[in-house]
C-alpha atoms as a PDB file:
ATOM      1  CA  MET A   1     -15.091   5.922 -31.598  1.00  0.00           C
ATOM      2  CA  PRO A   2     -13.255   6.332 -28.157  1.00  0.00           C
ATOM      3  CA  MET A   3     -14.124   3.945 -25.425  1.00  0.00           C
ATOM      4  CA  ASN A   4     -16.347   5.163 -22.439  1.00  0.00           C
ATOM      5  CA  GLY A   5     -14.796   4.723 -19.128  1.00  0.00           C
ATOM      6  CA  ALA A   6     -16.713   1.573 -18.202  1.00  0.00           C
ATOM      7  CA  GLY A   7     -15.959  -0.078 -21.562  1.00  0.00           C
ATOM      8  CA  LEU A   8     -12.431   0.778 -21.201  1.00  0.00           C
ATOM      9  CA  ILE A   9     -11.837  -0.709 -17.858  1.00  0.00           C
ATOM     10  CA  ARG A  10     -13.718  -4.029 -18.902  1.00  0.00           C
ATOM     11  CA  SER A  11     -11.608  -4.185 -21.931  1.00  0.00           C
ATOM     12  CA  VAL A  12      -8.396  -3.930 -20.063  1.00  0.00           C
ATOM     13  CA  ILE A  13      -9.469  -6.405 -17.638  1.00  0.00           C
ATOM     14  CA  ALA A  14     -10.529  -8.916 -20.075  1.00  0.00           C
ATOM     15  CA  GLY A  15      -7.508  -8.653 -22.325  1.00  0.00           C
ATOM     16  CA  GLY A  16      -5.357  -5.947 -21.378  1.00  0.00           C
ATOM     17  CA  VAL A  17      -6.272  -3.971 -24.626  1.00  0.00           C
ATOM     18  CA  GLY A  18      -7.759  -0.297 -24.487  1.00  0.00           C
ATOM     19  CA  ASP A  19      -7.269   2.956 -26.241  1.00  0.00           C
ATOM     20  CA  ARG A  20      -5.846   4.572 -23.204  1.00  0.00           C
ATOM     21  CA  ILE A  21      -5.015   3.561 -19.677  1.00  0.00           C
ATOM     22  CA  PRO A  22      -7.798   3.785 -17.181  1.00  0.00           C
ATOM     23  CA  PHE A  23      -7.975   6.352 -14.559  1.00  0.00           C
ATOM     24  CA  MET A  24      -9.203   5.022 -11.227  1.00  0.00           C
ATOM     25  CA  PRO A  25      -8.356   7.027  -8.094  1.00  0.00           C
ATOM     26  CA  ILE A  26      -9.847   6.702  -4.735  1.00  0.00           C
ATOM     27  CA  THR A  27     -11.074  10.376  -4.146  1.00  0.00           C
ATOM     28  CA  MET A  28     -13.218  10.482  -0.888  1.00  0.00           C
ATOM     29  CA  SER A  29     -11.922  13.643   0.808  1.00  0.00           C
ATOM     30  CA  PHE A  30     -10.970  15.069  -2.334  1.00  0.00           C
ATOM     31  CA  ALA A  31     -14.035  14.679  -3.899  1.00  0.00           C
ATOM     32  CA  ALA A  32     -16.082  16.174  -0.898  1.00  0.00           C
ATOM     33  CA  ARG A  33     -13.800  19.183  -1.027  1.00  0.00           C
ATOM     34  CA  GLY A  34     -14.519  19.608  -4.700  1.00  0.00           C
ATOM     35  CA  ILE A  35     -18.098  20.250  -4.138  1.00  0.00           C
ATOM     36  CA  GLY A  36     -17.432  22.331  -0.745  1.00  0.00           C
ATOM     37  CA  VAL A  37     -19.093  20.011   1.463  1.00  0.00           C
ATOM     38  CA  PRO A  38     -17.838  18.838   5.059  1.00  0.00           C
ATOM     39  CA  TYR A  39     -16.672  15.304   5.069  1.00  0.00           C
ATOM     40  CA  LEU A  40     -19.235  14.141   7.677  1.00  0.00           C
ATOM     41  CA  LEU A  41     -22.055  14.967   5.147  1.00  0.00           C
ATOM     42  CA  TYR A  42     -20.117  13.185   2.315  1.00  0.00           C
ATOM     43  CA  ALA A  43     -19.870  10.125   4.227  1.00  0.00           C
ATOM     44  CA  THR A  44     -23.420   9.994   5.692  1.00  0.00           C
ATOM     45  CA  ASP A  45     -25.626  11.582   3.011  1.00  0.00           C
ATOM     46  CA  HIS A  46     -25.574   9.492  -0.321  1.00  0.00           C
ATOM     47  CA  HIS A  47     -26.787  12.786  -2.095  1.00  0.00           C
ATOM     48  CA  ALA A  48     -23.434  14.483  -1.303  1.00  0.00           C
ATOM     49  CA  LEU A  49     -21.269  11.432  -2.241  1.00  0.00           C
ATOM     50  CA  VAL A  50     -22.893  10.975  -5.573  1.00  0.00           C
ATOM     51  CA  LYS A  51     -22.514  14.779  -6.322  1.00  0.00           C
ATOM     52  CA  GLY A  52     -19.018  14.679  -5.312  1.00  0.00           C
ATOM     53  CA  GLN A  53     -18.215  11.474  -7.534  1.00  0.00           C
ATOM     54  CA  LEU A  54     -19.906  12.906 -10.455  1.00  0.00           C
ATOM     55  CA  ALA A  55     -18.257  16.172 -10.237  1.00  0.00           C
ATOM     56  CA  PHE A  56     -14.899  14.628  -9.900  1.00  0.00           C
ATOM     57  CA  ALA A  57     -15.368  12.379 -12.774  1.00  0.00           C
ATOM     58  CA  GLU A  58     -16.442  15.140 -15.064  1.00  0.00           C
ATOM     59  CA  ARG A  59     -13.663  17.605 -13.968  1.00  0.00           C
ATOM     60  CA  TYR A  60     -10.641  15.116 -14.015  1.00  0.00           C
ATOM     61  CA  GLY A  61     -11.707  12.386 -16.463  1.00  0.00           C
ATOM     62  CA  ALA A  62     -11.966   9.435 -14.088  1.00  0.00           C
ATOM     63  CA  ASP A  63     -13.190   6.307 -15.585  1.00  0.00           C
ATOM     64  CA  HIS A  64     -15.214   5.208 -12.606  1.00  0.00           C
ATOM     65  CA  VAL A  65     -17.269   6.423  -9.457  1.00  0.00           C
ATOM     66  CA  SER A  66     -17.132   4.783  -6.347  1.00  0.00           C
ATOM     67  CA  ALA A  67     -19.248   4.644  -3.092  1.00  0.00           C
ATOM     68  CA  ILE A  68     -16.424   4.088  -0.851  1.00  0.00           C
ATOM     69  CA  SER A  69     -16.578   6.788   2.093  1.00  0.00           C
ATOM     70  CA  ASP A  70     -14.941   5.328   5.346  1.00  0.00           C
ATOM     71  CA  PRO A  71     -14.133   1.828   6.844  1.00  0.00           C
ATOM     72  CA  ALA A  72     -16.531   2.042   9.665  1.00  0.00           C
ATOM     73  CA  VAL A  73     -19.950   1.422   7.694  1.00  0.00           C
ATOM     74  CA  GLU A  74     -20.353  -2.353   8.575  1.00  0.00           C
ATOM     75  CA  ALA A  75     -19.144  -1.994  11.926  1.00  0.00           C
ATOM     76  CA  SER A  76     -21.368   0.932  12.786  1.00  0.00           C
ATOM     77  CA  ASP A  77     -24.576  -1.074  11.868  1.00  0.00           C
ATOM     78  CA  LEU A  78     -23.411  -4.025  13.762  1.00  0.00           C
ATOM     79  CA  GLY A  79     -23.189  -2.145  16.895  1.00  0.00           C
ATOM     80  CA  GLY A  80     -19.646  -0.944  17.142  1.00  0.00           C
ATOM     81  CA  GLY A  81     -18.442   2.356  18.383  1.00  0.00           C
ATOM     82  CA  VAL A  82     -17.619   4.787  15.774  1.00  0.00           C
ATOM     83  CA  ILE A  83     -16.251   8.478  16.067  1.00  0.00           C
ATOM     84  CA  PHE A  84     -17.663  10.846  13.596  1.00  0.00           C
ATOM     85  CA  TYR A  85     -15.606  13.924  12.765  1.00  0.00           C
ATOM     86  CA  ASP A  86     -16.866  16.924  10.964  1.00  0.00           C
ATOM     87  CA  ASP A  87     -14.202  16.860   8.020  1.00  0.00           C
ATOM     88  CA  GLU A  88     -12.310  13.592   8.424  1.00  0.00           C
ATOM     89  CA  PRO A  89     -13.605  10.186   7.599  1.00  0.00           C
ATOM     90  CA  PRO A  90     -15.523   8.421  10.231  1.00  0.00           C
ATOM     91  CA  ALA A  91     -13.398   5.872  12.486  1.00  0.00           C
ATOM     92  CA  ASN A  92     -14.045   2.864  14.489  1.00  0.00           C
ATOM     93  CA  ASP A  93     -13.569   3.379  18.118  1.00  0.00           C
ATOM     94  CA  ASP A  94     -11.496   0.581  19.702  1.00  0.00           C
ATOM     95  CA  ALA A  95     -12.289   1.630  22.969  1.00  0.00           C
ATOM     96  CA  LYS A  96     -15.875   0.902  22.216  1.00  0.00           C
ATOM     97  CA  ALA A  97     -15.479  -2.152  19.838  1.00  0.00           C
ATOM     98  CA  PHE A  98     -18.607  -4.364  19.841  1.00  0.00           C
ATOM     99  CA  LEU A  99     -16.551  -7.458  20.859  1.00  0.00           C
ATOM    100  CA  LEU A 100     -14.852  -6.173  23.831  1.00  0.00           C
ATOM    101  CA  ASP A 101     -16.320  -9.121  25.230  1.00  0.00           C
ATOM    102  CA  LYS A 102     -15.681 -12.055  22.905  1.00  0.00           C
ATOM    103  CA  SER A 103     -18.572 -14.061  23.949  1.00  0.00           C
ATOM    104  CA  ARG A 104     -20.874 -11.688  22.216  1.00  0.00           C
ATOM    105  CA  LEU A 105     -19.999 -13.123  18.904  1.00  0.00           C
ATOM    106  CA  ALA A 106     -22.324 -16.021  19.571  1.00  0.00           C
ATOM    107  CA  SER A 107     -25.244 -13.810  19.250  1.00  0.00           C
ATOM    108  CA  LEU A 108     -24.001 -11.362  16.481  1.00  0.00           C
ATOM    109  CA  LYS A 109     -26.429 -11.857  13.515  1.00  0.00           C
ATOM    110  CA  ILE A 110     -25.719 -10.820   9.791  1.00  0.00           C
ATOM    111  CA  ILE A 111     -27.621  -7.810   9.152  1.00  0.00           C
ATOM    112  CA  ASP A 112     -29.615  -7.238   5.969  1.00  0.00           C
ATOM    113  CA  PRO A 113     -27.727  -4.314   4.262  1.00  0.00           C
ATOM    114  CA  GLY A 114     -31.073  -2.660   3.677  1.00  0.00           C
ATOM    115  CA  GLU A 115     -31.940  -2.374   7.223  1.00  0.00           C
ATOM    116  CA  GLY A 116     -28.551  -0.982   8.326  1.00  0.00           C
ATOM    117  CA  LYS A 117     -28.583   2.778   8.623  1.00  0.00           C
ATOM    118  CA  ARG A 118     -25.182   3.273   7.023  1.00  0.00           C
ATOM    119  CA  MET A 119     -24.918   0.168   4.903  1.00  0.00           C
ATOM    120  CA  SER A 120     -28.362   1.321   3.218  1.00  0.00           C
ATOM    121  CA  ASN A 121     -26.857   4.876   2.694  1.00  0.00           C
ATOM    122  CA  ARG A 122     -24.271   3.304   0.654  1.00  0.00           C
ATOM    123  CA  LEU A 123     -26.703   1.060  -1.248  1.00  0.00           C
ATOM    124  CA  GLU A 124     -28.485   4.434  -2.089  1.00  0.00           C
ATOM    125  CA  ALA A 125     -25.177   5.937  -3.286  1.00  0.00           C
ATOM    126  CA  VAL A 126     -24.645   2.926  -5.550  1.00  0.00           C
ATOM    127  CA  ALA A 127     -28.043   3.169  -7.109  1.00  0.00           C
ATOM    128  CA  GLY A 128     -27.617   6.952  -7.509  1.00  0.00           C
ATOM    129  CA  LEU A 129     -24.434   6.563  -8.966  1.00  0.00           C
ATOM    130  CA  ALA A 130     -25.541   3.856 -11.643  1.00  0.00           C
ATOM    131  CA  SER A 131     -28.665   5.845 -12.479  1.00  0.00           C
ATOM    132  CA  ALA A 132     -26.526   9.087 -13.212  1.00  0.00           C
ATOM    133  CA  VAL A 133     -23.910   7.446 -15.281  1.00  0.00           C
ATOM    134  CA  SER A 134     -26.049   5.101 -17.239  1.00  0.00           C
ATOM    135  CA  GLY A 135     -23.238   2.551 -18.076  1.00  0.00           C
ATOM    136  CA  THR A 136     -20.844   5.214 -19.230  1.00  0.00           C
ATOM    137  CA  LEU A 137     -18.554   4.831 -16.274  1.00  0.00           C
ATOM    138  CA  LEU A 138     -17.902   1.814 -14.042  1.00  0.00           C
ATOM    139  CA  VAL A 139     -19.776   1.997 -10.591  1.00  0.00           C
ATOM    140  CA  GLU A 140     -17.780   0.724  -7.640  1.00  0.00           C
ATOM    141  CA  GLY A 141     -19.283  -0.475  -4.455  1.00  0.00           C
ATOM    142  CA  TRP A 142     -17.036  -1.226  -1.343  1.00  0.00           C
ATOM    143  CA  ILE A 143     -16.946  -3.588   1.524  1.00  0.00           C
ATOM    144  CA  GLU A 144     -14.408  -4.192   4.414  1.00  0.00           C
ATOM    145  CA  GLY A 145     -12.550  -7.438   4.022  1.00  0.00           C
ATOM    146  CA  PRO A 146     -12.613 -10.505   6.587  1.00  0.00           C
ATOM    147  CA  CYS A 147      -9.743  -9.196   8.517  1.00  0.00           C
ATOM    148  CA  ALA A 148     -10.361  -5.390   8.458  1.00  0.00           C
ATOM    149  CA  GLU A 149     -13.972  -5.964   9.514  1.00  0.00           C
ATOM    150  CA  GLY A 150     -12.700  -8.373  12.294  1.00  0.00           C
ATOM    151  CA  ALA A 151     -10.307  -5.742  13.538  1.00  0.00           C
ATOM    152  CA  ASP A 152     -13.429  -3.131  13.479  1.00  0.00           C
ATOM    153  CA  LEU A 153     -15.460  -5.360  15.503  1.00  0.00           C
ATOM    154  CA  ARG A 154     -12.763  -6.516  18.002  1.00  0.00           C
ATOM    155  CA  GLY A 155     -10.395  -3.981  18.076  1.00  0.00           C
ATOM    156  CA  LEU A 156      -6.954  -3.980  16.193  1.00  0.00           C
ATOM    157  CA  SER A 157      -4.440  -4.783  18.855  1.00  0.00           C
ATOM    158  CA  ARG A 158      -6.848  -7.159  20.571  1.00  0.00           C
ATOM    159  CA  LEU A 159      -7.221  -9.207  17.252  1.00  0.00           C
ATOM    160  CA  MET A 160      -3.581  -9.424  16.790  1.00  0.00           C
ATOM    161  CA  MET A 161      -3.148 -10.929  20.061  1.00  0.00           C
ATOM    162  CA  ASP A 162      -6.118 -13.390  19.547  1.00  0.00           C
ATOM    163  CA  PHE A 163      -4.288 -14.873  16.344  1.00  0.00           C
ATOM    164  CA  TYR A 164      -2.175 -16.571  19.005  1.00  0.00           C
ATOM    165  CA  ASP A 165      -4.346 -16.613  22.240  1.00  0.00           C
ATOM    166  CA  ASP A 166      -7.742 -17.682  20.770  1.00  0.00           C
ATOM    167  CA  PRO A 167      -7.325 -18.844  16.961  1.00  0.00           C
ATOM    168  CA  ASP A 168     -10.721 -20.631  17.181  1.00  0.00           C
ATOM    169  CA  PHE A 169     -12.399 -17.320  18.132  1.00  0.00           C
ATOM    170  CA  VAL A 170     -10.645 -15.521  15.099  1.00  0.00           C
ATOM    171  CA  ARG A 171     -11.843 -18.370  12.734  1.00  0.00           C
ATOM    172  CA  GLU A 172     -15.356 -18.075  13.999  1.00  0.00           C
ATOM    173  CA  LEU A 173     -15.100 -14.335  13.488  1.00  0.00           C
ATOM    174  CA  PHE A 174     -13.730 -14.243  10.107  1.00  0.00           C
ATOM    175  CA  GLU A 175     -16.561 -16.698   9.033  1.00  0.00           C
ATOM    176  CA  PHE A 176     -18.905 -14.162  10.314  1.00  0.00           C
ATOM    177  CA  THR A 177     -17.237 -11.192   8.568  1.00  0.00           C
ATOM    178  CA  THR A 178     -16.950 -12.973   5.378  1.00  0.00           C
ATOM    179  CA  ARG A 179     -20.746 -13.814   5.403  1.00  0.00           C
ATOM    180  CA  GLN A 180     -21.536 -10.230   6.219  1.00  0.00           C
ATOM    181  CA  ALA A 181     -19.080  -8.894   3.603  1.00  0.00           C
ATOM    182  CA  ILE A 182     -20.860 -11.213   0.760  1.00  0.00           C
ATOM    183  CA  SER A 183     -24.321  -9.933   1.842  1.00  0.00           C
ATOM    184  CA  PHE A 184     -23.283  -6.260   1.560  1.00  0.00           C
ATOM    185  CA  ALA A 185     -21.568  -7.105  -1.754  1.00  0.00           C
ATOM    186  CA  LEU A 186     -24.434  -8.598  -3.143  1.00  0.00           C
ATOM    187  CA  ALA A 187     -26.819  -6.023  -2.186  1.00  0.00           C
ATOM    188  CA  GLN A 188     -24.482  -3.325  -3.861  1.00  0.00           C
ATOM    189  CA  ILE A 189     -24.363  -5.263  -6.984  1.00  0.00           C
ATOM    190  CA  GLN A 190     -28.190  -5.546  -7.075  1.00  0.00           C
ATOM    191  CA  ALA A 191     -28.288  -1.823  -6.511  1.00  0.00           C
ATOM    192  CA  GLY A 192     -26.264  -1.268  -9.578  1.00  0.00           C
ATOM    193  CA  ALA A 193     -22.449  -1.792  -8.595  1.00  0.00           C
ATOM    194  CA  ASP A 194     -20.274  -3.013 -11.358  1.00  0.00           C
ATOM    195  CA  LEU A 195     -17.317  -3.606  -9.377  1.00  0.00           C
ATOM    196  CA  ILE A 196     -16.817  -4.383  -5.736  1.00  0.00           C
ATOM    197  CA  GLY A 197     -13.836  -2.916  -3.934  1.00  0.00           C
ATOM    198  CA  VAL A 198     -12.470  -5.143  -0.913  1.00  0.00           C
ATOM    199  CA  GLY A 199     -10.574  -3.162   1.594  1.00  0.00           C
ATOM    200  CA  ASP A 200      -8.735  -5.305   3.986  1.00  0.00           C
ATOM    201  CA  ALA A 201      -5.947  -3.087   5.464  1.00  0.00           C
ATOM    202  CA  ALA A 202      -5.377  -5.126   8.537  1.00  0.00           C
ATOM    203  CA  SER A 203      -4.059  -7.971   6.430  1.00  0.00           C
ATOM    204  CA  SER A 204      -0.719  -6.017   5.761  1.00  0.00           C
ATOM    205  CA  LEU A 205      -0.021  -6.165   9.453  1.00  0.00           C
ATOM    206  CA  MET A 206       0.118  -9.897   9.594  1.00  0.00           C
ATOM    207  CA  GLY A 207       2.781 -12.346   8.245  1.00  0.00           C
ATOM    208  CA  PRO A 208       2.253 -14.687   5.186  1.00  0.00           C
ATOM    209  CA  ASP A 209       1.644 -17.793   7.645  1.00  0.00           C
ATOM    210  CA  ILE A 210      -1.189 -16.144   9.414  1.00  0.00           C
ATOM    211  CA  PHE A 211      -2.651 -14.846   6.180  1.00  0.00           C
ATOM    212  CA  VAL A 212      -2.838 -18.320   4.784  1.00  0.00           C
ATOM    213  CA  GLU A 213      -4.111 -20.074   8.074  1.00  0.00           C
ATOM    214  CA  PHE A 214      -6.854 -17.332   8.820  1.00  0.00           C
ATOM    215  CA  THR A 215      -7.663 -15.157   5.848  1.00  0.00           C
ATOM    216  CA  LEU A 216      -6.640 -16.317   2.415  1.00  0.00           C
ATOM    217  CA  LYS A 217      -9.596 -18.689   1.953  1.00  0.00           C
ATOM    218  CA  HIS A 218     -12.052 -16.082   2.748  1.00  0.00           C
ATOM    219  CA  HIS A 219     -10.770 -13.855  -0.041  1.00  0.00           C
ATOM    220  CA  LYS A 220     -11.214 -16.688  -2.507  1.00  0.00           C
ATOM    221  CA  THR A 221     -15.027 -17.140  -1.112  1.00  0.00           C
ATOM    222  CA  ILE A 222     -15.718 -13.343  -1.343  1.00  0.00           C
ATOM    223  CA  VAL A 223     -14.368 -13.004  -5.007  1.00  0.00           C
ATOM    224  CA  THR A 224     -16.167 -16.047  -6.004  1.00  0.00           C
ATOM    225  CA  ALA A 225     -19.496 -14.608  -4.600  1.00  0.00           C
ATOM    226  CA  ILE A 226     -18.906 -11.293  -6.477  1.00  0.00           C
ATOM    227  CA  HIS A 227     -18.125 -13.015  -9.654  1.00  0.00           C
ATOM    228  CA  GLU A 228     -20.925 -15.262  -9.581  1.00  0.00           C
ATOM    229  CA  ALA A 229     -23.284 -12.332  -9.166  1.00  0.00           C
ATOM    230  CA  GLY A 230     -21.897 -10.876 -12.286  1.00  0.00           C
ATOM    231  CA  ALA A 231     -19.459  -8.037 -10.829  1.00  0.00           C
ATOM    232  CA  LEU A 232     -15.954  -7.601 -10.719  1.00  0.00           C
ATOM    233  CA  ALA A 233     -13.493  -7.342  -7.715  1.00  0.00           C
ATOM    234  CA  ARG A 234     -10.719  -4.962  -6.475  1.00  0.00           C
ATOM    235  CA  LEU A 235      -8.504  -5.662  -3.674  1.00  0.00           C
ATOM    236  CA  HIS A 236      -7.137  -2.841  -1.758  1.00  0.00           C
ATOM    237  CA  ILE A 237      -4.812  -3.636   1.170  1.00  0.00           C
ATOM    238  CA  CYS A 238      -2.857  -0.470   2.798  1.00  0.00           C
ATOM    239  CA  GLY A 239       0.830  -0.790   3.550  1.00  0.00           C
ATOM    240  CA  ASN A 240       3.560  -3.032   2.400  1.00  0.00           C
ATOM    241  CA  THR A 241       2.003  -6.299   1.010  1.00  0.00           C
ATOM    242  CA  MET A 242       4.875  -7.803  -0.983  1.00  0.00           C
ATOM    243  CA  GLU A 243       5.037 -10.982   1.199  1.00  0.00           C
ATOM    244  CA  LEU A 244       1.324 -11.399   0.648  1.00  0.00           C
ATOM    245  CA  MET A 245       1.597 -11.088  -3.232  1.00  0.00           C
ATOM    246  CA  PRO A 246       2.652 -14.674  -4.079  1.00  0.00           C
ATOM    247  CA  LEU A 247      -0.216 -15.769  -1.871  1.00  0.00           C
ATOM    248  CA  LEU A 248      -2.783 -13.811  -4.224  1.00  0.00           C
ATOM    249  CA  VAL A 249      -1.773 -15.710  -7.303  1.00  0.00           C
ATOM    250  CA  ASP A 250      -4.581 -17.944  -7.157  1.00  0.00           C
ATOM    251  CA  VAL A 251      -7.206 -15.505  -5.707  1.00  0.00           C
ATOM    252  CA  PRO A 252      -8.815 -14.000  -8.679  1.00  0.00           C
ATOM    253  CA  TYR A 253      -9.234 -10.425  -7.971  1.00  0.00           C
ATOM    254  CA  ASP A 254      -9.607  -8.569 -11.149  1.00  0.00           C
ATOM    255  CA  ILE A 255      -7.742  -5.561 -10.000  1.00  0.00           C
ATOM    256  CA  ILE A 256      -4.881  -5.227  -7.189  1.00  0.00           C
ATOM    257  CA  ASP A 257      -4.241  -2.170  -5.811  1.00  0.00           C
ATOM    258  CA  LEU A 258      -0.593  -1.520  -4.622  1.00  0.00           C
ATOM    259  CA  ASP A 259       0.398   0.910  -1.867  1.00  0.00           C
ATOM    260  CA  THR A 260       3.501   3.039  -2.184  1.00  0.00           C
ATOM    261  CA  LEU A 261       5.447   0.496  -0.159  1.00  0.00           C
ATOM    262  CA  SER A 262       4.643  -2.255  -2.653  1.00  0.00           C
ATOM    263  CA  PRO A 263       6.790  -1.782  -5.544  1.00  0.00           C
ATOM    264  CA  VAL A 264       5.027  -2.341  -8.915  1.00  0.00           C
ATOM    265  CA  ALA A 265       7.871  -4.314 -10.413  1.00  0.00           C
ATOM    266  CA  LYS A 266       7.997  -6.659  -7.340  1.00  0.00           C
ATOM    267  CA  ALA A 267       4.192  -7.067  -7.738  1.00  0.00           C
ATOM    268  CA  ARG A 268       4.422  -7.782 -11.420  1.00  0.00           C
ATOM    269  CA  ALA A 269       7.085 -10.393 -10.868  1.00  0.00           C
ATOM    270  CA  ALA A 270       5.201 -12.093  -8.087  1.00  0.00           C
ATOM    271  CA  LEU A 271       1.615 -12.076  -9.521  1.00  0.00           C
ATOM    272  CA  GLY A 272       2.789 -12.673 -13.277  1.00  0.00           C
ATOM    273  CA  PRO A 273       1.999 -10.834 -16.569  1.00  0.00           C
ATOM    274  CA  ASP A 274      -1.890 -11.121 -16.584  1.00  0.00           C
ATOM    275  CA  ARG A 275      -2.794  -9.644 -13.412  1.00  0.00           C
ATOM    276  CA  ILE A 276      -4.269  -6.010 -13.641  1.00  0.00           C
ATOM    277  CA  LEU A 277      -2.261  -3.665 -11.214  1.00  0.00           C
ATOM    278  CA  LEU A 278      -3.492  -0.197  -9.947  1.00  0.00           C
ATOM    279  CA  GLY A 279      -1.204   2.477  -8.518  1.00  0.00           C
ATOM    280  CA  ASN A 280       1.152   3.236  -6.655  1.00  0.00           C
ATOM    281  CA  ILE A 281       2.490   6.615  -6.602  1.00  0.00           C
ATOM    282  CA  ASP A 282       3.023   8.306  -3.094  1.00  0.00           C
ATOM    283  CA  THR A 283      -0.220  10.101  -2.100  1.00  0.00           C
ATOM    284  CA  VAL A 284       2.106  12.479   0.139  1.00  0.00           C
ATOM    285  CA  SER A 285       5.262  13.244  -1.315  1.00  0.00           C
ATOM    286  CA  VAL A 286       4.051  13.158  -5.022  1.00  0.00           C
ATOM    287  CA  VAL A 287       0.207  13.802  -5.161  1.00  0.00           C
ATOM    288  CA  ARG A 288       0.153  16.422  -2.432  1.00  0.00           C
ATOM    289  CA  GLY A 289       3.657  17.604  -2.223  1.00  0.00           C
ATOM    290  CA  GLY A 290       4.949  17.281  -5.769  1.00  0.00           C
ATOM    291  CA  THR A 291       4.419  18.907  -8.992  1.00  0.00           C
ATOM    292  CA  PRO A 292       2.767  17.916 -12.124  1.00  0.00           C
ATOM    293  CA  GLU A 293       6.189  17.020 -13.438  1.00  0.00           C
ATOM    294  CA  ASP A 294       6.627  14.715 -10.586  1.00  0.00           C
ATOM    295  CA  VAL A 295       3.364  13.140 -10.907  1.00  0.00           C
ATOM    296  CA  HIS A 296       4.065  12.472 -14.695  1.00  0.00           C
ATOM    297  CA  ARG A 297       7.587  11.084 -14.161  1.00  0.00           C
ATOM    298  CA  THR A 298       6.556   8.798 -11.233  1.00  0.00           C
ATOM    299  CA  LEU A 299       3.642   7.425 -13.275  1.00  0.00           C
ATOM    300  CA  SER A 300       5.796   6.685 -16.335  1.00  0.00           C
ATOM    301  CA  ASP A 301       8.075   4.707 -13.904  1.00  0.00           C
ATOM    302  CA  CYS A 302       4.932   2.803 -12.591  1.00  0.00           C
ATOM    303  CA  LEU A 303       3.896   1.947 -16.292  1.00  0.00           C
ATOM    304  CA  HIS A 304       7.520   0.710 -17.017  1.00  0.00           C
ATOM    305  CA  ASP A 305       7.549  -1.426 -14.064  1.00  0.00           C
ATOM    306  CA  ALA A 306       4.176  -2.956 -14.811  1.00  0.00           C
ATOM    307  CA  GLY A 307       5.574  -4.127 -18.169  1.00  0.00           C
ATOM    308  CA  ASN A 308       3.660  -1.385 -19.999  1.00  0.00           C
ATOM    309  CA  GLN A 309       0.516  -3.260 -19.792  1.00  0.00           C
ATOM    310  CA  LYS A 310      -2.346  -4.222 -17.654  1.00  0.00           C
ATOM    311  CA  TRP A 311      -1.866  -1.289 -15.306  1.00  0.00           C
ATOM    312  CA  ILE A 312      -4.231   1.364 -14.072  1.00  0.00           C
ATOM    313  CA  VAL A 313      -3.434   4.971 -13.120  1.00  0.00           C
ATOM    314  CA  GLY A 314      -4.065   5.648  -9.245  1.00  0.00           C
ATOM    315  CA  ALA A 315      -2.137   6.607  -6.232  1.00  0.00           C
ATOM    316  CA  GLY A 316      -1.047   4.024  -3.261  1.00  0.00           C
ATOM    317  CA  CYS A 317      -4.198   4.960  -1.456  1.00  0.00           C
ATOM    318  CA  GLU A 318      -6.649   7.836  -1.046  1.00  0.00           C
ATOM    319  CA  LEU A 319      -5.905  11.321  -2.693  1.00  0.00           C
ATOM    320  CA  PRO A 320      -5.553  13.616  -0.025  1.00  0.00           C
ATOM    321  CA  GLY A 321      -8.011  16.319   0.235  1.00  0.00           C
ATOM    322  CA  ASP A 322      -5.741  19.092  -0.066  1.00  0.00           C
ATOM    323  CA  SER A 323      -3.973  17.851  -3.037  1.00  0.00           C
ATOM    324  CA  PRO A 324      -3.113  20.517  -5.750  1.00  0.00           C
ATOM    325  CA  GLU A 325      -5.674  20.315  -8.463  1.00  0.00           C
ATOM    326  CA  ALA A 326      -3.012  20.504 -10.977  1.00  0.00           C
ATOM    327  CA  ASN A 327      -1.394  17.242  -9.750  1.00  0.00           C
ATOM    328  CA  VAL A 328      -4.726  15.284  -9.913  1.00  0.00           C
ATOM    329  CA  MET A 329      -5.449  16.522 -13.346  1.00  0.00           C
ATOM    330  CA  ALA A 330      -2.012  15.595 -14.235  1.00  0.00           C
ATOM    331  CA  MET A 331      -2.696  11.903 -13.260  1.00  0.00           C
ATOM    332  CA  GLY A 332      -5.809  11.903 -15.471  1.00  0.00           C
ATOM    333  CA  THR A 333      -3.861  13.674 -18.486  1.00  0.00           C
ATOM    334  CA  PHE A 334      -1.155  11.010 -18.045  1.00  0.00           C
ATOM    335  CA  ALA A 335      -3.729   8.249 -18.372  1.00  0.00           C
ATOM    336  CA  ARG A 336      -5.477   9.724 -21.388  1.00  0.00           C
ATOM    337  CA  GLY A 337      -2.141  10.157 -23.149  1.00  0.00           C
ATOM    338  CA  HIS A 338      -0.909   6.845 -22.795  1.00  0.00           C
ATOM    339  CA  ARG A 339      -1.995   3.435 -24.173  1.00  0.00           C
ATOM    340  CA  PRO A 340      -0.751   0.028 -22.989  1.00  0.00           C
END
């Protein structure tokens, strides 16, 4: 009997074995387009998100459903400025960052995710997905990583200067963002999440020395908390992360996403044969601008570069909302047609 999506992903993570390759793309805008709703509704109304994820999984054969919507959820509830667009993901407003004045950090308190307007919406989305799939697909929650959330609260350019001008402030800030991230992760696990994605895009902008000094230990703390709560953990860092890969060897993420700038072969060499990799075909030139044949060829290259094992079909980042349906279908077809 064929494995269902949840069983397949767990089997591949546990031992690299499955009757096919899992298919786990990030589908935010594409899922919203698939059910004909503006992205603002998808990002702010859990009913729309659940409907979009279920529709995508059914049509394209995804092995998981995800509550990810945008990187501004936590910062919005913590008081940061957020720009809401009709048909694009909400974005943090650097000009209205909560920590324009660094002294405000001293009074910043951890928010109960159930009390935050946007965090509670994500909890509802997780619960709705878990109820709908009843264990057949893996349910993914999502949090912002320590550096990404620090950038959301302080402003990215200011944070980059703070690493040099006020390192003690950065350390205190990351202690806070880590505690808030864990609180949000645990609440999503309690709501029914099997897997927590950790998005830490800002980490790709720092060198390995800064990553080690300020951020690495917090990722270990977050993964440990997720695992102790009984869930799996996935790391997603946009951009070129090849200098960070050797540093992640001892950080036990169950899945590590690779953006297009991070070659699969180099990641495999850095992380070793046992780590589960995901990605990394180009979202623009291949998924949106290519053909199904291009998708198949590029995924074949990824599978080869991963050593024909412990690899999951996905793109370098989110599937563009205007991607041709035939190309997305080709991704799912490739996954179902290959066995590691």
